[in-house]
C-alpha cells in the first residue's frame, strides 16, 4: 500500500477548467453570457493559488471576448490558456466548415489576448465522437498539438467505447497523428465508469474519485480532471432570472456545494499540474500507443 501511495504521489495529473457560462453553454448557445463565470473562475484561481497548483483553462471564445482581463489574469498567474471553441456549439451539430471557422476564431481571440500560441483544444461537451473524427484533422490544420475531447466511456451524447483511458496518439481519418488526452475514468465490475469531472464528480463520493485517480496512477498513467466555473456557484439557480425547468435545476445543481471541497482534497492527496506538465512526462511519443479510432 505504501508503494502504491508513493507511486500516486510521483505521477503528475492534469487539472483543467472549461471556462464557460452555464446558461449559455447548457440551455441555449445563442443566449448572452452572464457575469457569473467571471466571479466563479476567480474562485478557482484562488483555490489553485492557495495550494500552489497550476492548471489548464480551456476558455470559450465568447468568454474571452467578454472578459479579456480575466484571461490575462489566468495567463499571468502561470496557468495555461487553451481553446474550448468559440460559441460552445456541439461538434456533433455543426459542419466541418463551421467547426473550422469556430476554432480559428477562438484561437485568434485567445492568442491576441495572451500573446502565446494556443495548441490545445477541448470540444464542448466532449463531442468529438466516432462520427466527428474529421475534427481532429482540422485541429492539425490549424496548428493544434493535442486534443482532450474524446471521452473514454460511451455516453448518450459523447464518448467512444473502447478508446484508451490514458494519453495516446490518435490516428486521424486522414492517417495523421494527434496526441489525445482523455479525462479520467475508473474500471470496476468489469466495465469503465466516468469519474473525471462535471456531474460525475459532483455526485460521486470522494472515496470513489480518489480510487479512480489512484487506479490510473498505479498503472503509471496520469489522470485528467475537469471542472467548470459554475460548479463553484451553489446559489446560481436561486438567483438566475431565467425559467429553468426543475428537473434541470436538480440535475445540474446537486453536488455543487460540496464540489470545491472534493477538488481541494484531490489537490492535497495527489500531484496536479497543467496539461503540458503531463505531456512533458510522456517522453518520446513514439513509445506510446498509436490508436486508430475509425472503427
Protein backbone atom coordinates (compact mmCIF):
# COMPACT_ATOMS: atom_id res chain seq x y z
CA UNK A 1 0.00 0.00 0.00
CA UNK A 2 2.85 2.41 0.82
CA UNK A 3 4.45 1.75 -2.57
CA UNK A 4 1.12 2.44 -4.28
CA UNK A 5 0.70 5.71 -2.40
CA UNK A 6 4.24 6.78 -3.26
CA UNK A 7 3.62 5.90 -6.92
CA UNK A 8 0.47 8.04 -6.90
CA UNK A 9 2.40 10.94 -5.40
CA UNK A 10 5.07 10.75 -8.15
CA UNK A 11 2.66 10.85 -11.11
CA UNK A 12 1.63 14.30 -12.31
CA UNK A 13 -2.09 14.54 -13.05
CA UNK A 14 -3.77 17.31 -15.06
CA UNK A 15 -6.27 19.71 -13.54
CA UNK A 16 -8.35 21.54 -16.17
CA UNK A 17 -11.14 24.10 -16.25
CA UNK A 18 -13.65 24.59 -19.06
CA UNK A 19 -14.31 28.34 -18.82
CA UNK A 20 -17.90 28.89 -19.90
CA UNK A 21 -21.20 30.24 -18.61
CA UNK A 22 -23.81 27.68 -17.51
CA UNK A 23 -26.88 29.27 -19.07
CA UNK A 24 -25.31 29.85 -22.48
CA UNK A 25 -23.43 26.55 -22.65
CA UNK A 26 -26.18 24.31 -21.28
CA UNK A 27 -29.55 25.86 -22.15
CA UNK A 28 -29.07 27.82 -25.37
CA UNK A 29 -25.81 28.67 -27.15
CA UNK A 30 -27.48 31.80 -28.56
CA UNK A 31 -28.06 33.32 -25.11
CA UNK A 32 -25.72 36.06 -23.88
CA UNK A 33 -23.22 35.12 -21.18
CA UNK A 34 -23.94 36.28 -17.63
CA UNK A 35 -21.14 37.72 -15.49
CA UNK A 36 -21.22 34.73 -13.12
CA UNK A 37 -18.42 32.91 -14.90
CA UNK A 38 -16.05 35.82 -14.10
CA UNK A 39 -16.71 35.53 -10.37
CA UNK A 40 -16.56 31.75 -10.28
CA UNK A 41 -13.41 31.47 -12.36
CA UNK A 42 -11.68 33.71 -9.84
CA UNK A 43 -12.80 31.37 -7.05
CA UNK A 44 -10.97 28.56 -8.87
CA UNK A 45 -7.89 30.75 -9.34
CA UNK A 46 -7.87 31.45 -5.59
CA UNK A 47 -8.20 27.75 -4.75
CA UNK A 48 -5.31 26.86 -7.07
CA UNK A 49 -3.15 29.67 -5.71
CA UNK A 50 -3.76 28.57 -2.12
CA UNK A 51 -2.37 25.13 -2.99
CA UNK A 52 0.35 26.33 -5.37
CA UNK A 53 -1.18 24.41 -8.28
CA UNK A 54 -1.11 25.42 -11.94
CA UNK A 55 -3.85 24.21 -14.27
CA UNK A 56 -5.05 24.39 -17.85
CA UNK A 57 -8.01 26.64 -18.64
CA UNK A 58 -9.89 25.76 -21.83
CA UNK A 59 -11.51 29.14 -22.47
CA UNK A 60 -14.57 29.70 -24.62
CA UNK A 61 -14.03 32.40 -27.24
CA UNK A 62 -17.21 34.18 -26.18
CA UNK A 63 -16.00 34.24 -22.58
CA UNK A 64 -12.63 35.61 -23.66
CA UNK A 65 -14.29 38.39 -25.65
CA UNK A 66 -16.43 39.35 -22.66
CA UNK A 67 -13.67 39.10 -20.06
CA UNK A 68 -10.23 39.58 -21.67
CA UNK A 69 -8.78 40.85 -18.37
CA UNK A 70 -9.77 37.57 -16.73
CA UNK A 71 -7.99 35.61 -19.48
CA UNK A 72 -4.87 37.72 -18.97
CA UNK A 73 -5.15 37.13 -15.22
CA UNK A 74 -5.24 33.35 -15.80
CA UNK A 75 -2.19 33.55 -18.05
CA UNK A 76 -0.25 35.95 -15.81
CA UNK A 77 -0.80 33.63 -12.83
CA UNK A 78 1.16 30.93 -14.67
CA UNK A 79 -1.75 28.79 -15.83
CA UNK A 80 -2.21 27.53 -19.39
CA UNK A 81 -4.85 29.09 -21.63
CA UNK A 82 -6.17 26.76 -24.35
CA UNK A 83 -9.23 26.65 -26.60
CA UNK A 84 -12.76 25.47 -25.82
CA UNK A 85 -14.01 26.68 -29.18
CA UNK A 86 -15.84 29.95 -29.72
CA UNK A 87 -19.58 29.54 -29.23
CA UNK A 88 -20.00 26.26 -27.29
CA UNK A 89 -21.75 24.60 -30.20
CA UNK A 90 -21.57 20.82 -30.06
CA UNK A 91 -19.30 19.40 -32.74
CA UNK A 92 -21.95 16.77 -33.49
CA UNK A 93 -24.39 19.52 -34.56
CA UNK A 94 -22.22 21.60 -36.90
CA UNK A 95 -20.49 21.14 -40.25
CA UNK A 96 -16.73 20.79 -40.75
CA UNK A 97 -16.58 24.29 -42.29
CA UNK A 98 -18.47 25.76 -39.35
CA UNK A 99 -16.17 23.92 -36.93
CA UNK A 100 -13.07 25.25 -38.70
CA UNK A 101 -14.34 28.84 -38.51
CA UNK A 102 -15.34 28.43 -34.86
CA UNK A 103 -11.94 27.06 -33.81
CA UNK A 104 -9.96 29.52 -35.93
CA UNK A 105 -11.89 32.43 -34.41
CA UNK A 106 -11.37 31.16 -30.85
CA UNK A 107 -7.66 30.57 -31.36
CA UNK A 108 -7.08 34.08 -32.72
CA UNK A 109 -9.01 35.75 -29.88
CA UNK A 110 -7.05 33.91 -27.19
CA UNK A 111 -3.67 34.41 -28.85
CA UNK A 112 -4.33 38.13 -29.31
CA UNK A 113 -5.11 38.44 -25.58
CA UNK A 114 -2.23 36.44 -24.10
CA UNK A 115 0.39 36.72 -26.86
CA UNK A 116 1.14 32.99 -26.72
CA UNK A 117 0.30 30.26 -29.24
CA UNK A 118 -2.75 28.15 -28.36
CA UNK A 119 -2.07 24.48 -29.12
CA UNK A 120 -4.62 22.51 -27.05
CA UNK A 121 -8.35 22.01 -27.57
CA UNK A 122 -11.33 20.56 -25.73
CA UNK A 123 -14.67 20.25 -27.53
CA UNK A 124 -17.87 21.47 -25.91
CA UNK A 125 -19.43 18.51 -24.08
CA UNK A 126 -16.65 16.20 -25.37
CA UNK A 127 -18.42 15.93 -28.73
CA UNK A 128 -15.59 14.59 -30.82
CA UNK A 129 -17.12 11.17 -31.35
CA UNK A 130 -16.88 8.33 -33.86
CA UNK A 131 -18.94 10.47 -36.26
CA UNK A 132 -16.90 13.65 -35.84
CA UNK A 133 -13.32 12.37 -36.00
CA UNK A 134 -12.89 14.66 -39.03
CA UNK A 135 -12.46 17.42 -36.42
CA UNK A 136 -9.03 16.06 -35.48
CA UNK A 137 -7.65 16.76 -38.96
CA UNK A 138 -8.99 20.31 -38.80
CA UNK A 139 -7.28 20.82 -35.45
CA UNK A 140 -3.99 19.71 -37.00
CA UNK A 141 -4.57 22.02 -39.99
CA UNK A 142 -4.87 24.95 -37.55
CA UNK A 143 -1.72 24.13 -35.62
CA UNK A 144 -3.12 22.34 -32.58
CA UNK A 145 -0.79 19.81 -30.96
CA UNK A 146 -3.21 17.93 -28.70
CA UNK A 147 -6.89 17.30 -28.09
CA UNK A 148 -8.74 16.46 -24.86
CA UNK A 149 -12.23 15.77 -26.23
CA UNK A 150 -12.62 12.01 -26.67
CA UNK A 151 -14.37 10.58 -23.65
CA UNK A 152 -13.20 7.00 -22.95
CA UNK A 153 -16.71 5.93 -21.87
CA UNK A 154 -19.70 5.76 -24.22
CA UNK A 155 -22.41 8.13 -23.02
CA UNK A 156 -25.65 9.30 -24.62
CA UNK A 157 -24.20 12.36 -26.39
CA UNK A 158 -20.49 11.63 -26.50
CA UNK A 159 -17.71 9.13 -25.93
CA UNK A 160 -16.03 6.38 -27.96
CA UNK A 161 -16.38 2.98 -26.36
CA UNK A 162 -13.10 1.11 -26.17
CA UNK A 163 -10.91 4.16 -26.71
CA UNK A 164 -7.88 4.34 -24.40
CA UNK A 165 -8.36 5.79 -20.92
CA UNK A 166 -4.83 7.26 -20.83
CA UNK A 167 -2.87 9.66 -23.09
CA UNK A 168 -2.21 8.17 -26.53
CA UNK A 169 -1.53 9.12 -30.13
CA UNK A 170 -4.76 9.02 -32.13
CA UNK A 171 -4.79 8.28 -35.85
CA UNK A 172 -6.99 10.75 -37.72
CA UNK A 173 -9.25 9.82 -40.67
CA UNK A 174 -6.52 11.20 -42.99
CA UNK A 175 -3.86 9.00 -41.40
CA UNK A 176 -2.20 11.79 -39.43
CA UNK A 177 -1.41 11.75 -35.72
CA UNK A 178 -2.50 13.90 -32.78
CA UNK A 179 -1.94 13.47 -29.07
CA UNK A 180 -5.21 12.66 -27.30
CA UNK A 181 -5.53 13.23 -23.54
CA UNK A 182 -8.86 11.82 -22.29
CA UNK A 183 -10.36 12.76 -18.93
CA UNK A 184 -10.07 10.35 -16.03
CA UNK A 185 -12.25 7.27 -15.61
CA UNK A 186 -12.45 4.23 -13.35
CA UNK A 187 -12.60 0.49 -14.01
CA UNK A 188 -14.83 -1.56 -11.73
CA UNK A 189 -17.20 -4.53 -12.05
CA UNK A 190 -15.81 -5.37 -15.49
CA UNK A 191 -16.53 -2.03 -17.12
CA UNK A 192 -15.26 1.54 -17.28
CA UNK A 193 -17.08 4.36 -15.48
CA UNK A 194 -16.94 8.12 -15.96
CA UNK A 195 -15.43 9.92 -12.96
CA UNK A 196 -13.24 12.71 -14.32
CA UNK A 197 -15.34 15.78 -13.58
CA UNK A 198 -18.63 17.58 -14.04
CA UNK A 199 -21.77 15.80 -12.86
CA UNK A 200 -19.89 12.57 -12.15
CA UNK A 201 -17.55 14.47 -9.87
CA UNK A 202 -20.40 16.34 -8.17
CA UNK A 203 -22.46 13.27 -7.41
CA UNK A 204 -19.89 10.56 -6.63
CA UNK A 205 -18.43 10.25 -3.12
CA UNK A 206 -14.87 11.43 -2.69
CA UNK A 207 -13.69 7.90 -1.91
CA UNK A 208 -14.60 6.81 -5.47
CA UNK A 209 -12.90 9.82 -7.05
CA UNK A 210 -9.74 9.15 -5.05
CA UNK A 211 -9.75 5.48 -6.04
CA UNK A 212 -10.17 6.47 -9.71
CA UNK A 213 -7.12 8.73 -9.71
CA UNK A 214 -5.09 6.23 -7.73
CA UNK A 215 -6.05 3.42 -10.12
CA UNK A 216 -4.73 5.41 -13.09
CA UNK A 217 -1.57 6.38 -11.22
CA UNK A 218 -0.96 2.79 -10.14
CA UNK A 219 -0.97 1.90 -13.84
CA UNK A 220 1.59 4.69 -14.35
CA UNK A 221 -0.96 6.88 -16.17
CA UNK A 222 -1.86 10.49 -15.47
CA UNK A 223 -5.48 11.27 -14.65
CA UNK A 224 -7.10 14.37 -16.13
CA UNK A 225 -9.74 16.14 -14.04
CA UNK A 226 -12.07 18.79 -15.45
CA UNK A 227 -14.44 21.31 -13.94
CA UNK A 228 -16.50 24.36 -14.83
CA UNK A 229 -16.73 27.73 -13.04
CA UNK A 230 -20.44 27.21 -12.36
CA UNK A 231 -19.68 24.19 -10.19
CA UNK A 232 -18.31 26.71 -7.71
CA UNK A 233 -21.70 28.50 -7.71
CA UNK A 234 -24.25 26.67 -5.48
CA UNK A 235 -26.68 29.63 -5.43
CA UNK A 236 -26.88 30.18 -9.20
CA UNK A 237 -30.38 28.76 -9.66
CA UNK A 238 -31.77 30.77 -6.76
CA UNK A 239 -30.57 33.99 -8.39
CA UNK A 240 -30.88 33.19 -12.09
CA UNK A 241 -33.60 35.21 -13.81
CA UNK A 242 -34.48 32.55 -16.37
CA UNK A 243 -37.19 29.83 -16.46
CA UNK A 244 -35.04 26.73 -15.92
CA UNK A 245 -37.15 23.52 -15.50
CA UNK A 246 -36.96 21.92 -12.06
CA UNK A 247 -35.55 18.65 -13.47
CA UNK A 248 -32.59 20.52 -14.96
CA UNK A 249 -32.14 22.54 -11.77
CA UNK A 250 -31.85 19.31 -9.79
CA UNK A 251 -29.66 17.52 -12.30
CA UNK A 252 -27.30 20.46 -12.78
CA UNK A 253 -27.36 21.79 -9.24
CA UNK A 254 -26.94 18.75 -7.00
CA UNK A 255 -23.48 18.43 -5.51
CA UNK A 256 -22.28 21.94 -6.30
CA UNK A 257 -21.94 22.92 -2.65
CA UNK A 258 -19.51 20.09 -1.96
CA UNK A 259 -17.64 20.30 -5.27
CA UNK A 260 -14.84 22.68 -4.14
CA UNK A 261 -14.07 20.52 -1.10
CA UNK A 262 -13.59 17.45 -3.30
CA UNK A 263 -11.24 19.37 -5.60
CA UNK A 264 -9.25 20.67 -2.64
CA UNK A 265 -8.86 17.16 -1.24
CA UNK A 266 -7.64 15.81 -4.59
CA UNK A 267 -5.13 18.63 -4.89
CA UNK A 268 -3.83 17.65 -1.46
CA UNK A 269 -3.81 13.87 -1.98
CA UNK A 270 -2.21 13.82 -5.47
CA UNK A 271 0.17 15.83 -7.63
CA UNK A 272 -1.55 18.06 -10.19
CA UNK A 273 -0.34 20.39 -12.89
CA UNK A 274 -1.13 21.59 -16.40
CA UNK A 275 -1.78 19.52 -19.48
CA UNK A 276 1.71 20.49 -20.67
CA UNK A 277 3.16 19.16 -17.42
CA UNK A 278 1.55 15.81 -18.23
CA UNK A 279 2.77 15.93 -21.83
CA UNK A 280 6.30 16.58 -20.60
CA UNK A 281 6.22 13.32 -18.62
CA UNK A 282 5.23 11.20 -21.61
CA UNK A 283 8.71 11.02 -23.07
CA UNK A 284 9.10 10.12 -26.72
CA UNK A 285 5.61 9.91 -28.19
CA UNK A 286 6.67 7.02 -30.41
CA UNK A 287 6.82 4.83 -27.30
CA UNK A 288 3.11 5.35 -26.66
CA UNK A 289 0.22 3.57 -28.22
CA UNK A 290 -0.94 4.67 -31.66
CA UNK A 291 -4.66 4.09 -31.93
CA UNK A 292 -6.95 4.32 -34.92
CA UNK A 293 -10.45 5.35 -33.82
CA UNK A 294 -12.27 4.98 -37.12
CA UNK A 295 -13.65 1.55 -36.25
